[in-house]
Amino acid sequence: MRKIYPLLALFVLVNTAHAQNLLQAKLGAGDAASWNVGAGITQELLHLNAEWVNQYGIAYTKAGVFLDDDNPFGAQVGFRYPYYFTGEAKNGYYIGVYLGHLDSQFKNNEYKSRLGAGIDLAYVWLSPERISTLSVGLGAAEKFKNQAGEVTADTEPQLQFSYTLSFGLK
């Protein structure tokens, strides 16, 4: 997985100029508070979250613990871009990307968090007071091997369901 990082960095750098033409500002200053804090659940990750609403979408970070026996730490960061609004408010479908800890697996006699990345489709209820998000994502996490070198968790596509509720800071 580490061999792909330089290639991914090059891909992002080369396509940054093209993204300036593709991304359009769709959110205004009055649509939501710039900073929001809240809580939610993502798969088995019970977390607190912070969201930054800007004119291009919503950037977020989540930090919490997995609901396993050992409760290992997990965190994710991501960004959602508004794709289609379903009414006068800025409620609607957002597409996004995320990376961080996707799940936890038993490895070498303890639970460990697995890093990964993915894409998601979310429905966002957006107002100046709060943000409520329901999303489904498709991602993949790193491969785990035990001390004997046997694969205990392989890199496979996995669904990620999430619900968060955040309130604006004024």
C-alpha atoms as a PDB file:
ATOM      1  CA  MET A   1       0.000   0.000   0.000  1.00  0.00           C
ATOM      2  CA  ARG A   2       2.893   2.389   0.685  1.00  0.00           C
ATOM      3  CA  LYS A   3       4.153   2.036  -2.886  1.00  0.00           C
ATOM      4  CA  ILE A   4       1.012   3.733  -4.147  1.00  0.00           C
ATOM      5  CA  TYR A   5       1.440   6.927  -2.072  1.00  0.00           C
ATOM      6  CA  PRO A   6       3.939   8.652  -4.448  1.00  0.00           C
ATOM      7  CA  LEU A   7       1.725   7.776  -7.420  1.00  0.00           C
ATOM      8  CA  LEU A   8      -1.343   9.115  -5.616  1.00  0.00           C
ATOM      9  CA  ALA A   9       0.490  12.353  -4.730  1.00  0.00           C
ATOM     10  CA  LEU A  10       1.531  12.817  -8.365  1.00  0.00           C
ATOM     11  CA  PHE A  11      -2.043  12.187  -9.543  1.00  0.00           C
ATOM     12  CA  VAL A  12      -3.422  14.806  -7.129  1.00  0.00           C
ATOM     13  CA  LEU A  13      -0.759  17.350  -8.076  1.00  0.00           C
ATOM     14  CA  VAL A  14      -1.287  16.932 -11.830  1.00  0.00           C
ATOM     15  CA  ASN A  15      -5.078  17.138 -11.563  1.00  0.00           C
ATOM     16  CA  THR A  16      -5.243  20.136  -9.207  1.00  0.00           C
ATOM     17  CA  ALA A  17      -5.311  22.592 -12.110  1.00  0.00           C
ATOM     18  CA  HIS A  18      -8.194  20.714 -13.729  1.00  0.00           C
ATOM     19  CA  ALA A  19     -10.160  20.676 -10.466  1.00  0.00           C
ATOM     20  CA  GLN A  20     -10.186  24.477 -10.423  1.00  0.00           C
ATOM     21  CA  ASN A  21     -12.351  24.388 -13.542  1.00  0.00           C
ATOM     22  CA  LEU A  22     -14.582  21.514 -12.425  1.00  0.00           C
ATOM     23  CA  LEU A  23     -15.503  22.639  -8.905  1.00  0.00           C
ATOM     24  CA  GLN A  24     -18.111  25.354  -8.728  1.00  0.00           C
ATOM     25  CA  ALA A  25     -19.112  27.217  -5.584  1.00  0.00           C
ATOM     26  CA  LYS A  26     -22.585  25.943  -4.694  1.00  0.00           C
ATOM     27  CA  LEU A  27     -22.943  26.888  -1.028  1.00  0.00           C
ATOM     28  CA  GLY A  28     -23.413  30.393   0.313  1.00  0.00           C
ATOM     29  CA  ALA A  29     -22.457  31.953   3.640  1.00  0.00           C
ATOM     30  CA  GLY A  30     -26.050  31.839   4.943  1.00  0.00           C
ATOM     31  CA  ASP A  31     -26.693  28.185   4.094  1.00  0.00           C
ATOM     32  CA  ALA A  32     -24.975  26.798   7.198  1.00  0.00           C
ATOM     33  CA  ALA A  33     -22.633  27.778  10.002  1.00  0.00           C
ATOM     34  CA  SER A  34     -18.999  27.645   8.888  1.00  0.00           C
ATOM     35  CA  TRP A  35     -17.999  25.365  11.789  1.00  0.00           C
ATOM     36  CA  ASN A  36     -20.157  22.563  13.185  1.00  0.00           C
ATOM     37  CA  VAL A  37     -19.518  19.956  15.889  1.00  0.00           C
ATOM     38  CA  GLY A  38     -21.455  16.828  16.690  1.00  0.00           C
ATOM     39  CA  ALA A  39     -21.429  13.070  17.009  1.00  0.00           C
ATOM     40  CA  GLY A  40     -22.284  10.021  14.983  1.00  0.00           C
ATOM     41  CA  ILE A  41     -21.638   6.408  14.147  1.00  0.00           C
ATOM     42  CA  THR A  42     -19.706   5.129  11.138  1.00  0.00           C
ATOM     43  CA  GLN A  43     -19.841   1.343  10.805  1.00  0.00           C
ATOM     44  CA  GLU A  44     -18.582   0.335  14.251  1.00  0.00           C
ATOM     45  CA  LEU A  45     -16.820   3.659  14.955  1.00  0.00           C
ATOM     46  CA  LEU A  46     -18.597   5.751  17.588  1.00  0.00           C
ATOM     47  CA  HIS A  47     -17.210   9.262  17.112  1.00  0.00           C
ATOM     48  CA  LEU A  48     -17.265  12.984  17.675  1.00  0.00           C
ATOM     49  CA  ASN A  49     -16.971  15.032  14.516  1.00  0.00           C
ATOM     50  CA  ALA A  50     -16.164  18.538  13.328  1.00  0.00           C
ATOM     51  CA  GLU A  51     -17.348  19.877   9.976  1.00  0.00           C
ATOM     52  CA  TRP A  52     -16.254  22.937   8.014  1.00  0.00           C
ATOM     53  CA  VAL A  53     -18.771  24.204   5.483  1.00  0.00           C
ATOM     54  CA  ASN A  54     -17.220  26.247   2.692  1.00  0.00           C
ATOM     55  CA  GLN A  55     -18.494  27.388  -0.691  1.00  0.00           C
ATOM     56  CA  TYR A  56     -17.316  24.181  -2.389  1.00  0.00           C
ATOM     57  CA  GLY A  57     -18.672  21.602   0.050  1.00  0.00           C
ATOM     58  CA  ILE A  58     -18.186  20.119   3.487  1.00  0.00           C
ATOM     59  CA  ALA A  59     -14.842  19.001   4.927  1.00  0.00           C
ATOM     60  CA  TYR A  60     -15.030  16.832   8.028  1.00  0.00           C
ATOM     61  CA  THR A  61     -13.019  14.933  10.579  1.00  0.00           C
ATOM     62  CA  LYS A  62     -14.204  12.149  12.877  1.00  0.00           C
ATOM     63  CA  ALA A  63     -12.430  10.765  15.947  1.00  0.00           C
ATOM     64  CA  GLY A  64     -13.661   8.063  18.296  1.00  0.00           C
ATOM     65  CA  VAL A  65     -13.430   4.432  19.310  1.00  0.00           C
ATOM     66  CA  PHE A  66     -14.478   1.186  17.673  1.00  0.00           C
ATOM     67  CA  LEU A  67     -17.146  -0.827  19.449  1.00  0.00           C
ATOM     68  CA  ASP A  68     -14.910  -3.880  19.926  1.00  0.00           C
ATOM     69  CA  ASP A  69     -13.701  -5.494  23.146  1.00  0.00           C
ATOM     70  CA  ASP A  70     -10.542  -3.355  23.288  1.00  0.00           C
ATOM     71  CA  ASN A  71     -12.149  -0.171  21.871  1.00  0.00           C
ATOM     72  CA  PRO A  72      -9.230   0.819  19.615  1.00  0.00           C
ATOM     73  CA  PHE A  73      -8.985   4.452  18.486  1.00  0.00           C
ATOM     74  CA  GLY A  74     -10.150   5.405  15.008  1.00  0.00           C
ATOM     75  CA  ALA A  75     -10.275   8.602  12.964  1.00  0.00           C
ATOM     76  CA  GLN A  76     -11.303   9.660   9.475  1.00  0.00           C
ATOM     77  CA  VAL A  77     -11.117  12.793   7.334  1.00  0.00           C
ATOM     78  CA  GLY A  78     -13.102  13.512   4.217  1.00  0.00           C
ATOM     79  CA  PHE A  79     -14.733  15.986   1.875  1.00  0.00           C
ATOM     80  CA  ARG A  80     -18.215  16.043   0.321  1.00  0.00           C
ATOM     81  CA  TYR A  81     -19.122  18.093  -2.756  1.00  0.00           C
ATOM     82  CA  PRO A  82     -22.781  19.032  -3.396  1.00  0.00           C
ATOM     83  CA  TYR A  83     -23.974  17.112  -6.442  1.00  0.00           C
ATOM     84  CA  TYR A  84     -27.755  17.573  -6.606  1.00  0.00           C
ATOM     85  CA  PHE A  85     -30.077  19.676  -4.439  1.00  0.00           C
ATOM     86  CA  THR A  86     -33.610  18.424  -3.820  1.00  0.00           C
ATOM     87  CA  GLY A  87     -35.368  21.681  -2.956  1.00  0.00           C
ATOM     88  CA  GLU A  88     -34.964  25.352  -2.099  1.00  0.00           C
ATOM     89  CA  ALA A  89     -32.628  24.637   0.820  1.00  0.00           C
ATOM     90  CA  LYS A  90     -29.218  23.093   0.244  1.00  0.00           C
ATOM     91  CA  ASN A  91     -30.500  19.628   1.204  1.00  0.00           C
ATOM     92  CA  GLY A  92     -29.503  17.017  -1.301  1.00  0.00           C
ATOM     93  CA  TYR A  93     -27.008  14.482  -2.553  1.00  0.00           C
ATOM     94  CA  TYR A  94     -23.304  15.019  -1.997  1.00  0.00           C
ATOM     95  CA  ILE A  95     -20.442  12.911  -3.357  1.00  0.00           C
ATOM     96  CA  GLY A  96     -17.227  12.566  -1.413  1.00  0.00           C
ATOM     97  CA  VAL A  97     -13.986  10.883  -0.527  1.00  0.00           C
ATOM     98  CA  TYR A  98     -12.669   9.741   2.848  1.00  0.00           C
ATOM     99  CA  LEU A  99      -9.580   8.185   4.368  1.00  0.00           C
ATOM    100  CA  GLY A 100      -8.598   6.930   7.784  1.00  0.00           C
ATOM    101  CA  HIS A 101      -9.442   3.976  10.001  1.00  0.00           C
ATOM    102  CA  LEU A 102     -12.176   1.899   8.357  1.00  0.00           C
ATOM    103  CA  ASP A 103     -12.494  -0.991  10.784  1.00  0.00           C
ATOM    104  CA  SER A 104     -10.703  -2.909  13.498  1.00  0.00           C
ATOM    105  CA  GLN A 105      -9.498  -6.488  13.315  1.00  0.00           C
ATOM    106  CA  PHE A 106      -7.987  -8.920  15.771  1.00  0.00           C
ATOM    107  CA  LYS A 107      -4.224  -9.036  15.162  1.00  0.00           C
ATOM    108  CA  ASN A 108      -1.535 -10.539  17.403  1.00  0.00           C
ATOM    109  CA  ASN A 109      -3.882 -10.997  20.386  1.00  0.00           C
ATOM    110  CA  GLU A 110      -5.387  -7.482  20.301  1.00  0.00           C
ATOM    111  CA  TYR A 111      -7.708  -5.366  18.185  1.00  0.00           C
ATOM    112  CA  LYS A 112      -5.981  -2.986  15.741  1.00  0.00           C
ATOM    113  CA  SER A 113      -7.476  -0.293  13.506  1.00  0.00           C
ATOM    114  CA  ARG A 114      -7.006  -0.715   9.747  1.00  0.00           C
ATOM    115  CA  LEU A 115      -6.248   2.290   7.535  1.00  0.00           C
ATOM    116  CA  GLY A 116      -7.997   2.718   4.218  1.00  0.00           C
ATOM    117  CA  ALA A 117      -9.817   5.053   1.846  1.00  0.00           C
ATOM    118  CA  GLY A 118     -13.013   5.210  -0.146  1.00  0.00           C
ATOM    119  CA  ILE A 119     -15.754   7.189  -1.871  1.00  0.00           C
ATOM    120  CA  ASP A 120     -19.262   7.868  -0.624  1.00  0.00           C
ATOM    121  CA  LEU A 121     -22.688   9.121  -1.586  1.00  0.00           C
ATOM    122  CA  ALA A 122     -24.472  11.079   1.127  1.00  0.00           C
ATOM    123  CA  TYR A 123     -27.796  12.761   1.644  1.00  0.00           C
ATOM    124  CA  VAL A 124     -27.251  15.939   3.662  1.00  0.00           C
ATOM    125  CA  TRP A 125     -29.933  17.940   5.495  1.00  0.00           C
ATOM    126  CA  LEU A 126     -28.316  21.365   5.751  1.00  0.00           C
ATOM    127  CA  SER A 127     -29.571  24.382   7.702  1.00  0.00           C
ATOM    128  CA  PRO A 128     -27.936  27.349   9.450  1.00  0.00           C
ATOM    129  CA  GLU A 129     -28.354  25.554  12.810  1.00  0.00           C
ATOM    130  CA  ARG A 130     -27.410  21.972  12.043  1.00  0.00           C
ATOM    131  CA  ILE A 131     -26.102  19.405   9.557  1.00  0.00           C
ATOM    132  CA  SER A 132     -27.484  15.884   9.451  1.00  0.00           C
ATOM    133  CA  THR A 133     -25.824  13.375   7.128  1.00  0.00           C
ATOM    134  CA  LEU A 134     -26.679   9.820   6.101  1.00  0.00           C
ATOM    135  CA  SER A 135     -24.109   8.210   3.813  1.00  0.00           C
ATOM    136  CA  VAL A 136     -23.042   4.962   2.226  1.00  0.00           C
ATOM    137  CA  GLY A 137     -19.472   4.495   1.062  1.00  0.00           C
ATOM    138  CA  LEU A 138     -17.322   1.947  -0.701  1.00  0.00           C
ATOM    139  CA  GLY A 139     -13.744   1.631   0.490  1.00  0.00           C
ATOM    140  CA  ALA A 140     -10.866  -0.742   1.089  1.00  0.00           C
ATOM    141  CA  ALA A 141      -8.605  -1.149   4.124  1.00  0.00           C
ATOM    142  CA  GLU A 142      -5.028  -2.340   4.464  1.00  0.00           C
ATOM    143  CA  LYS A 143      -4.065  -6.015   4.666  1.00  0.00           C
ATOM    144  CA  PHE A 144      -3.201  -7.436   8.090  1.00  0.00           C
ATOM    145  CA  LYS A 145      -0.780 -10.298   8.722  1.00  0.00           C
ATOM    146  CA  ASN A 146      -0.164 -11.997  12.041  1.00  0.00           C
ATOM    147  CA  GLN A 147       3.246 -12.810  13.548  1.00  0.00           C
ATOM    148  CA  ALA A 148       3.394 -16.051  11.547  1.00  0.00           C
ATOM    149  CA  GLY A 149       2.930 -14.128   8.290  1.00  0.00           C
ATOM    150  CA  GLU A 150      -0.602 -15.414   7.662  1.00  0.00           C
ATOM    151  CA  VAL A 151      -3.143 -12.950   6.284  1.00  0.00           C
ATOM    152  CA  THR A 152      -5.790 -12.289   8.938  1.00  0.00           C
ATOM    153  CA  ALA A 153      -7.624  -9.503   7.050  1.00  0.00           C
ATOM    154  CA  ASP A 154      -7.252  -8.994   3.311  1.00  0.00           C
ATOM    155  CA  THR A 155      -7.744  -5.838   1.273  1.00  0.00           C
ATOM    156  CA  GLU A 156     -11.280  -6.181  -0.052  1.00  0.00           C
ATOM    157  CA  PRO A 157     -14.029  -3.739  -0.976  1.00  0.00           C
ATOM    158  CA  GLN A 158     -16.241  -2.953   2.002  1.00  0.00           C
ATOM    159  CA  LEU A 159     -19.383  -0.919   2.498  1.00  0.00           C
ATOM    160  CA  GLN A 160     -19.393   1.848   5.078  1.00  0.00           C
ATOM    161  CA  PHE A 161     -22.652   3.250   6.474  1.00  0.00           C
ATOM    162  CA  SER A 162     -22.602   6.465   8.476  1.00  0.00           C
ATOM    163  CA  TYR A 163     -24.919   8.862  10.274  1.00  0.00           C
ATOM    164  CA  THR A 164     -23.789  12.151  11.849  1.00  0.00           C
ATOM    165  CA  LEU A 165     -25.586  15.055  13.488  1.00  0.00           C
ATOM    166  CA  SER A 166     -23.744  18.349  13.965  1.00  0.00           C
ATOM    167  CA  PHE A 167     -24.727  21.731  15.351  1.00  0.00           C
ATOM    168  CA  GLY A 168     -23.358  25.071  14.203  1.00  0.00           C
ATOM    169  CA  LEU A 169     -20.992  27.165  16.306  1.00  0.00           C
ATOM    170  CA  LYS A 170     -21.764  30.875  16.329  1.00  0.00           C
END
